[in-house]
Amino acid sequence: MKEQLELTQEWDKTFQKSDKVNHRKITFHNRYGITLAADLYEPKHIAGPLPAIAVSGPFGAVKEQSAGLYAQTMAERGFLTIAFDPSFTGESGGTPRYVASPDINTEDFQAAVDFLSVQDNVDPDRIGIIGICGWGGMALNAAAVDTRIKATVTSTMYDMTRVNANGYFDEEDSEEARYEKRKALNAQRIADYKNGTYKRAGGVVDPLPDDAPFFVKDYYDYYKTARGYHERSLNSNDGWNVTSSLSFLNMPILQYSSEIRSAVLMIHGEKAHSCYFSKDAFQKLTGSNKELMLIPNAVHTDLYDRTDIIPFDRIETFFKENM
């Protein structure tokens, strides 16, 4: 039976509403029977069928944050777009809550393509996706398996399987380190089963320690302040379930990224702590329609909401050239 979602109707985004687009809430379902919630943006006064884009991310964020900003901006530029909450998060369905899955979350992008493909005002042969932060990795994984996706943009990408298995900057890349993680996470499974609840990992640390690494301060500046805080955002509040990390330890999502035949544009801040994810993933891509664009002096969260830095002109051109 289809899940019934309660969707907020008032404008509760972290960015201003545009008068150039129409906006409404929609739902669609994935192959696991989970109903997903999304904001749909369509340009005013432009007749279809339109090229379409599905947007999601960052990892632990909701559609009212960065994904919605990207979706609304691209709708202003002539695309029909949706920004969706991944399974188990935000206004989307799925239980238990606050779980991430490399398989299901890749499927979420494919389900978004399903939805867009059957809209009367969408050209099903001109569909692309945008993945931000951890959903950049999911987007590449979706592009590797879904031949309907004609063009993919990743922004400030994380490979969540790599960072969970190897730690930041691959400093925990050893069998022993992974074994200790697995022991701790499986012990947590037993505790969760006994308690009948799932322990949360905590969102961005608050209060912020004086000696916090820069990238933690960067996240705090976005998720914990008026700049980007949202009441449904996991990173703004209590975070993912602790045991969500388990499946990411065993499932490298970029295994077949070298076989992506469609166009890919990877964008990253030059000064971002996470830039190595995009640089390394780009090296695996093949073909002439692949591009890595580094933004001078930009850090990780600059590409979440800094409209003066996010290269929307290039993103627009890229999609129009390749869809």
Protein backbone atom coordinates (compact mmCIF):
# COMPACT_ATOMS: atom_id res chain seq x y z
CA MET A 1 0.00 0.00 0.00
CA LYS A 2 1.32 3.42 -0.94
CA GLU A 3 2.61 5.48 1.98
CA GLN A 4 0.65 8.61 2.81
CA LEU A 5 3.00 11.50 3.46
CA GLU A 6 2.23 14.73 5.27
CA LEU A 7 3.84 17.48 3.23
CA THR A 8 4.43 21.00 4.45
CA GLN A 9 2.73 23.45 2.11
CA GLU A 10 4.22 26.71 3.31
CA TRP A 11 7.53 27.97 1.93
CA ASP A 12 10.10 26.76 4.46
CA LYS A 13 13.30 26.82 2.39
CA THR A 14 16.66 28.29 3.34
CA PHE A 15 16.58 30.42 0.17
CA GLN A 16 14.21 33.01 -1.25
CA LYS A 17 11.30 31.97 -3.47
CA SER A 18 11.70 32.92 -7.12
CA ASP A 19 8.95 34.73 -9.02
CA LYS A 20 10.24 33.22 -12.28
CA VAL A 21 9.08 29.66 -11.62
CA ASN A 22 6.02 27.74 -10.50
CA HIS A 23 6.48 25.54 -7.45
CA ARG A 24 4.50 22.65 -6.01
CA LYS A 25 5.01 19.56 -3.86
CA ILE A 26 4.89 16.14 -5.52
CA THR A 27 5.49 12.51 -4.54
CA PHE A 28 6.82 9.48 -6.41
CA HIS A 29 7.82 5.97 -5.41
CA ASN A 30 10.91 3.83 -5.82
CA ARG A 31 11.25 0.10 -6.52
CA TYR A 32 11.44 -0.65 -2.79
CA GLY A 33 7.93 0.72 -2.31
CA ILE A 34 9.12 3.87 -0.55
CA THR A 35 7.26 7.08 -1.33
CA LEU A 36 9.55 10.05 -1.89
CA ALA A 37 8.68 13.71 -1.38
CA ALA A 38 9.96 16.41 -3.70
CA ASP A 39 9.61 20.05 -4.63
CA LEU A 40 8.86 20.51 -8.32
CA TYR A 41 9.97 23.73 -10.03
CA GLU A 42 8.95 24.66 -13.58
CA PRO A 43 9.77 27.80 -15.54
CA LYS A 44 6.90 30.18 -16.15
CA HIS A 45 5.78 30.98 -19.70
CA ILE A 46 7.88 28.24 -21.37
CA ALA A 47 6.03 25.55 -23.28
CA GLY A 48 7.04 21.92 -23.01
CA PRO A 49 8.20 19.33 -23.49
CA LEU A 50 11.05 20.51 -21.29
CA PRO A 51 14.43 19.05 -20.41
CA ALA A 52 14.32 17.88 -16.79
CA ILE A 53 16.75 17.53 -13.89
CA ALA A 54 16.48 15.66 -10.56
CA VAL A 55 18.56 17.06 -7.68
CA SER A 56 19.49 15.66 -4.28
CA GLY A 57 22.02 16.21 -1.50
CA PRO A 58 24.06 17.08 0.43
CA PHE A 59 24.44 13.97 2.57
CA GLY A 60 22.34 14.58 5.68
CA ALA A 61 20.55 17.59 4.21
CA VAL A 62 16.97 18.04 3.00
CA LYS A 63 15.42 19.40 -0.18
CA GLU A 64 14.73 22.73 1.48
CA GLN A 65 18.46 23.43 1.62
CA SER A 66 21.08 23.26 -1.16
CA ALA A 67 19.23 20.84 -3.48
CA GLY A 68 16.24 23.14 -3.66
CA LEU A 69 18.42 26.13 -4.44
CA TYR A 70 20.02 24.27 -7.35
CA ALA A 71 16.63 23.02 -8.58
CA GLN A 72 14.95 26.42 -8.44
CA THR A 73 17.90 28.11 -10.16
CA MET A 74 17.93 25.58 -12.98
CA ALA A 75 14.16 25.99 -13.41
CA GLU A 76 14.75 29.71 -13.86
CA ARG A 77 17.01 28.71 -16.74
CA GLY A 78 14.40 26.67 -18.59
CA PHE A 79 14.47 23.20 -17.03
CA LEU A 80 11.72 21.36 -15.18
CA THR A 81 13.37 20.26 -11.96
CA ILE A 82 12.67 18.31 -8.80
CA ALA A 83 14.61 18.43 -5.53
CA PHE A 84 13.83 15.31 -3.50
CA ASP A 85 14.39 14.01 0.00
CA PRO A 86 16.11 10.61 -0.12
CA SER A 87 14.42 7.55 1.37
CA PHE A 88 14.09 7.54 5.17
CA THR A 89 14.79 11.27 5.48
CA GLY A 90 13.03 14.63 5.42
CA GLU A 91 9.44 14.41 4.23
CA SER A 92 10.04 11.18 2.31
CA GLY A 93 8.79 7.85 3.60
CA GLY A 94 10.58 4.70 4.65
CA THR A 95 11.23 3.14 8.03
CA PRO A 96 13.27 2.98 10.14
CA ARG A 97 14.04 6.65 9.87
CA TYR A 98 17.44 8.25 9.24
CA VAL A 99 19.02 5.33 7.38
CA ALA A 100 21.34 5.73 4.39
CA SER A 101 21.95 2.98 1.85
CA PRO A 102 24.28 2.99 -1.18
CA ASP A 103 21.78 0.81 -3.04
CA ILE A 104 18.47 2.41 -2.05
CA ASN A 105 19.77 5.95 -2.39
CA THR A 106 21.10 5.23 -5.88
CA GLU A 107 17.65 3.81 -6.65
CA ASP A 108 16.12 7.09 -5.41
CA PHE A 109 17.77 8.89 -8.34
CA GLN A 110 16.48 6.25 -10.75
CA ALA A 111 12.99 6.56 -9.29
CA ALA A 112 13.18 10.31 -9.89
CA VAL A 113 13.98 9.55 -13.54
CA ASP A 114 10.96 7.22 -13.63
CA PHE A 115 8.75 10.06 -12.43
CA LEU A 116 10.17 12.67 -14.79
CA SER A 117 9.96 10.32 -17.77
CA VAL A 118 6.16 10.14 -17.62
CA GLN A 119 5.36 13.82 -17.11
CA ASP A 120 3.40 15.34 -19.99
CA ASN A 121 5.59 18.45 -20.12
CA VAL A 122 8.95 16.61 -19.95
CA ASP A 123 11.01 15.27 -22.84
CA PRO A 124 11.95 11.76 -21.59
CA ASP A 125 15.03 11.76 -23.80
CA ARG A 126 16.43 14.87 -22.07
CA ILE A 127 16.77 13.99 -18.39
CA GLY A 128 19.79 14.75 -16.20
CA ILE A 129 20.68 14.65 -12.51
CA ILE A 130 22.62 16.77 -10.02
CA GLY A 131 24.15 15.20 -6.90
CA ILE A 132 25.60 17.41 -4.18
CA CYS A 133 28.17 16.24 -1.61
CA GLY A 134 27.47 12.57 -0.74
CA TRP A 135 24.74 12.45 -3.34
CA GLY A 136 27.38 13.28 -5.94
CA GLY A 137 28.72 9.77 -5.48
CA MET A 138 25.20 8.35 -5.66
CA ALA A 139 24.63 10.35 -8.87
CA LEU A 140 27.72 8.83 -10.51
CA ASN A 141 26.56 5.38 -9.43
CA ALA A 142 23.12 6.08 -10.93
CA ALA A 143 24.70 7.32 -14.17
CA ALA A 144 26.70 4.08 -14.39
CA VAL A 145 23.57 1.90 -14.20
CA ASP A 146 20.83 4.06 -15.76
CA THR A 147 21.15 4.65 -19.49
CA ARG A 148 18.21 7.07 -19.43
CA ILE A 149 20.36 9.66 -17.64
CA LYS A 150 21.85 11.79 -20.38
CA ALA A 151 24.00 14.12 -18.27
CA THR A 152 25.21 14.19 -14.67
CA VAL A 153 26.57 17.06 -12.57
CA THR A 154 28.28 16.45 -9.26
CA SER A 155 28.98 19.35 -6.94
CA THR A 156 31.46 19.23 -4.05
CA MET A 157 31.26 15.42 -4.26
CA TYR A 158 31.85 12.90 -1.48
CA ASP A 159 32.31 9.18 -2.10
CA MET A 160 30.56 8.05 1.08
CA THR A 161 31.68 4.45 0.66
CA ARG A 162 35.33 5.49 0.51
CA VAL A 163 35.20 7.82 3.51
CA ASN A 164 33.38 5.24 5.62
CA ALA A 165 35.75 2.42 4.66
CA ASN A 166 39.00 4.40 4.65
CA GLY A 167 38.40 7.41 6.88
CA TYR A 168 39.12 10.99 5.88
CA PHE A 169 42.08 11.33 3.51
CA ASP A 170 42.34 7.49 3.56
CA GLU A 171 44.07 7.63 6.95
CA GLU A 172 42.18 4.52 8.17
CA ASP A 173 42.64 2.43 5.03
CA SER A 174 43.53 -0.90 6.61
CA GLU A 175 41.82 -4.20 7.26
CA GLU A 176 42.39 -3.77 10.99
CA ALA A 177 40.77 -0.33 11.10
CA ARG A 178 37.78 -1.56 9.14
CA TYR A 179 37.48 -4.61 11.40
CA GLU A 180 37.32 -2.38 14.50
CA LYS A 181 34.61 -0.27 12.85
CA ARG A 182 32.62 -3.39 12.00
CA LYS A 183 32.91 -4.71 15.57
CA ALA A 184 31.64 -1.44 17.02
CA LEU A 185 28.78 -1.11 14.54
CA ASN A 186 27.62 -4.69 15.00
CA ALA A 187 27.70 -4.25 18.77
CA GLN A 188 25.49 -1.22 18.24
CA ARG A 189 23.06 -3.38 16.23
CA ILE A 190 22.57 -5.60 19.29
CA ALA A 191 22.05 -2.59 21.55
CA ASP A 192 19.54 -1.12 19.10
CA TYR A 193 17.65 -4.41 18.87
CA LYS A 194 17.44 -4.69 22.66
CA ASN A 195 16.32 -1.09 23.03
CA GLY A 196 13.85 -1.15 20.16
CA THR A 197 15.28 2.13 18.88
CA TYR A 198 18.18 3.21 16.71
CA LYS A 199 20.93 5.29 18.26
CA ARG A 200 21.62 8.48 16.35
CA ALA A 201 25.16 9.50 15.42
CA GLY A 202 24.62 13.19 16.08
CA GLY A 203 24.68 15.91 13.44
CA VAL A 204 27.32 18.59 13.12
CA VAL A 205 29.03 19.00 16.48
CA ASP A 206 27.48 21.71 18.67
CA PRO A 207 28.86 23.55 20.54
CA LEU A 208 31.82 23.84 18.23
CA PRO A 209 35.16 23.03 19.92
CA ASP A 210 37.88 25.66 19.59
CA ASP A 211 40.25 23.06 18.11
CA ALA A 212 37.76 21.70 15.56
CA PRO A 213 39.26 21.09 12.08
CA PHE A 214 38.42 23.71 9.50
CA PHE A 215 36.03 21.46 7.59
CA VAL A 216 34.00 20.87 10.78
CA LYS A 217 33.79 24.64 11.27
CA ASP A 218 32.75 24.88 7.62
CA TYR A 219 29.87 22.46 8.21
CA TYR A 220 28.85 24.25 11.41
CA ASP A 221 28.72 27.57 9.57
CA TYR A 222 26.18 26.11 7.15
CA TYR A 223 24.09 23.60 9.09
CA LYS A 224 23.97 25.22 12.53
CA THR A 225 23.40 28.87 11.67
CA ALA A 226 20.64 30.86 9.99
CA ARG A 227 22.54 30.40 6.74
CA GLY A 228 21.47 26.78 6.27
CA TYR A 229 19.76 25.39 9.38
CA HIS A 230 16.58 23.40 8.78
CA GLU A 231 14.49 21.57 11.35
CA ARG A 232 14.30 18.39 9.23
CA SER A 233 17.98 18.32 8.27
CA LEU A 234 19.88 15.46 9.89
CA ASN A 235 23.12 17.42 9.92
CA SER A 236 21.40 20.37 11.57
CA ASN A 237 20.06 18.10 14.32
CA ASP A 238 20.70 14.54 15.55
CA GLY A 239 22.24 12.96 12.46
CA TRP A 240 21.95 9.51 10.90
CA ASN A 241 21.45 6.22 12.69
CA VAL A 242 24.86 5.05 13.87
CA THR A 243 24.57 1.72 12.06
CA SER A 244 23.92 3.38 8.69
CA SER A 245 27.66 3.23 8.10
CA LEU A 246 27.75 -0.57 7.92
CA SER A 247 26.63 -1.11 4.33
CA PHE A 248 28.98 1.62 3.09
CA LEU A 249 31.98 -0.35 4.38
CA ASN A 250 31.36 -3.19 1.90
CA MET A 251 29.89 -1.54 -1.19
CA PRO A 252 32.18 0.75 -3.23
CA ILE A 253 29.68 2.73 -5.31
CA LEU A 254 32.12 3.94 -7.95
CA GLN A 255 33.10 0.43 -9.05
CA TYR A 256 31.71 0.89 -12.56
CA SER A 257 32.06 4.65 -12.98
CA SER A 258 34.59 4.05 -15.77
CA GLU A 259 31.70 2.64 -17.83
CA ILE A 260 29.57 5.80 -17.75
CA ARG A 261 28.95 6.67 -21.41
CA SER A 262 26.86 9.80 -20.82
CA ALA A 263 28.21 13.27 -20.08
CA VAL A 264 29.59 14.13 -16.63
CA LEU A 265 30.55 17.52 -15.17
CA MET A 266 32.27 17.41 -11.78
CA ILE A 267 32.54 20.68 -9.85
CA HIS A 268 34.55 21.15 -6.69
CA GLY A 269 36.04 23.92 -4.58
CA GLU A 270 39.79 24.12 -5.02
CA LYS A 271 40.31 24.62 -1.26
CA ALA A 272 37.70 22.06 -0.15
CA HIS A 273 38.95 19.32 2.19
CA SER A 274 36.92 16.91 0.03
CA CYS A 275 38.43 17.90 -3.32
CA TYR A 276 40.39 14.65 -3.57
CA PHE A 277 37.13 12.72 -3.99
CA SER A 278 36.32 14.53 -7.24
CA LYS A 279 39.89 14.51 -8.52
CA ASP A 280 40.23 10.76 -8.01
CA ALA A 281 36.75 9.92 -9.32
CA PHE A 282 37.37 12.03 -12.41
CA GLN A 283 40.48 10.01 -13.21
CA LYS A 284 38.30 6.89 -13.53
CA LEU A 285 35.92 8.48 -16.04
CA THR A 286 36.46 7.77 -19.72
CA GLY A 287 35.35 9.44 -22.92
CA SER A 288 35.55 12.98 -24.22
CA ASN A 289 32.36 14.33 -22.61
CA LYS A 290 33.75 14.39 -19.06
CA GLU A 291 34.90 17.58 -17.30
CA LEU A 292 36.36 18.51 -13.90
CA MET A 293 35.83 22.15 -12.94
CA LEU A 294 37.71 23.46 -9.91
CA ILE A 295 36.45 26.71 -8.37
CA PRO A 296 39.36 28.90 -7.19
CA ASN A 297 39.59 29.47 -3.42
CA ALA A 298 36.21 27.80 -2.75
CA VAL A 299 35.75 25.48 0.24
CA HIS A 300 33.30 22.59 0.57
CA THR A 301 30.11 24.38 1.64
CA ASP A 302 30.66 27.34 -0.69
CA LEU A 303 29.06 25.18 -3.38
CA TYR A 304 26.02 24.56 -1.19
CA ASP A 305 24.60 28.07 -1.45
CA ARG A 306 27.10 30.67 -2.68
CA THR A 307 25.30 31.73 -5.86
CA ASP A 308 28.20 34.07 -6.64
CA ILE A 309 30.52 31.04 -6.78
CA ILE A 310 28.38 28.12 -8.01
CA PRO A 311 28.96 28.06 -11.79
CA PHE A 312 25.31 27.97 -12.86
CA ASP A 313 26.15 29.38 -16.30
CA ARG A 314 28.42 26.41 -16.98
CA ILE A 315 25.91 23.93 -15.53
CA GLU A 316 23.19 25.34 -17.79
CA THR A 317 25.41 25.15 -20.87
CA PHE A 318 26.54 21.63 -19.99
CA PHE A 319 22.99 20.30 -19.74
CA LYS A 320 21.85 22.06 -22.89
CA GLU A 321 24.82 20.67 -24.84
CA ASN A 322 24.38 17.11 -23.61
CA MET A 323 20.65 16.52 -23.27
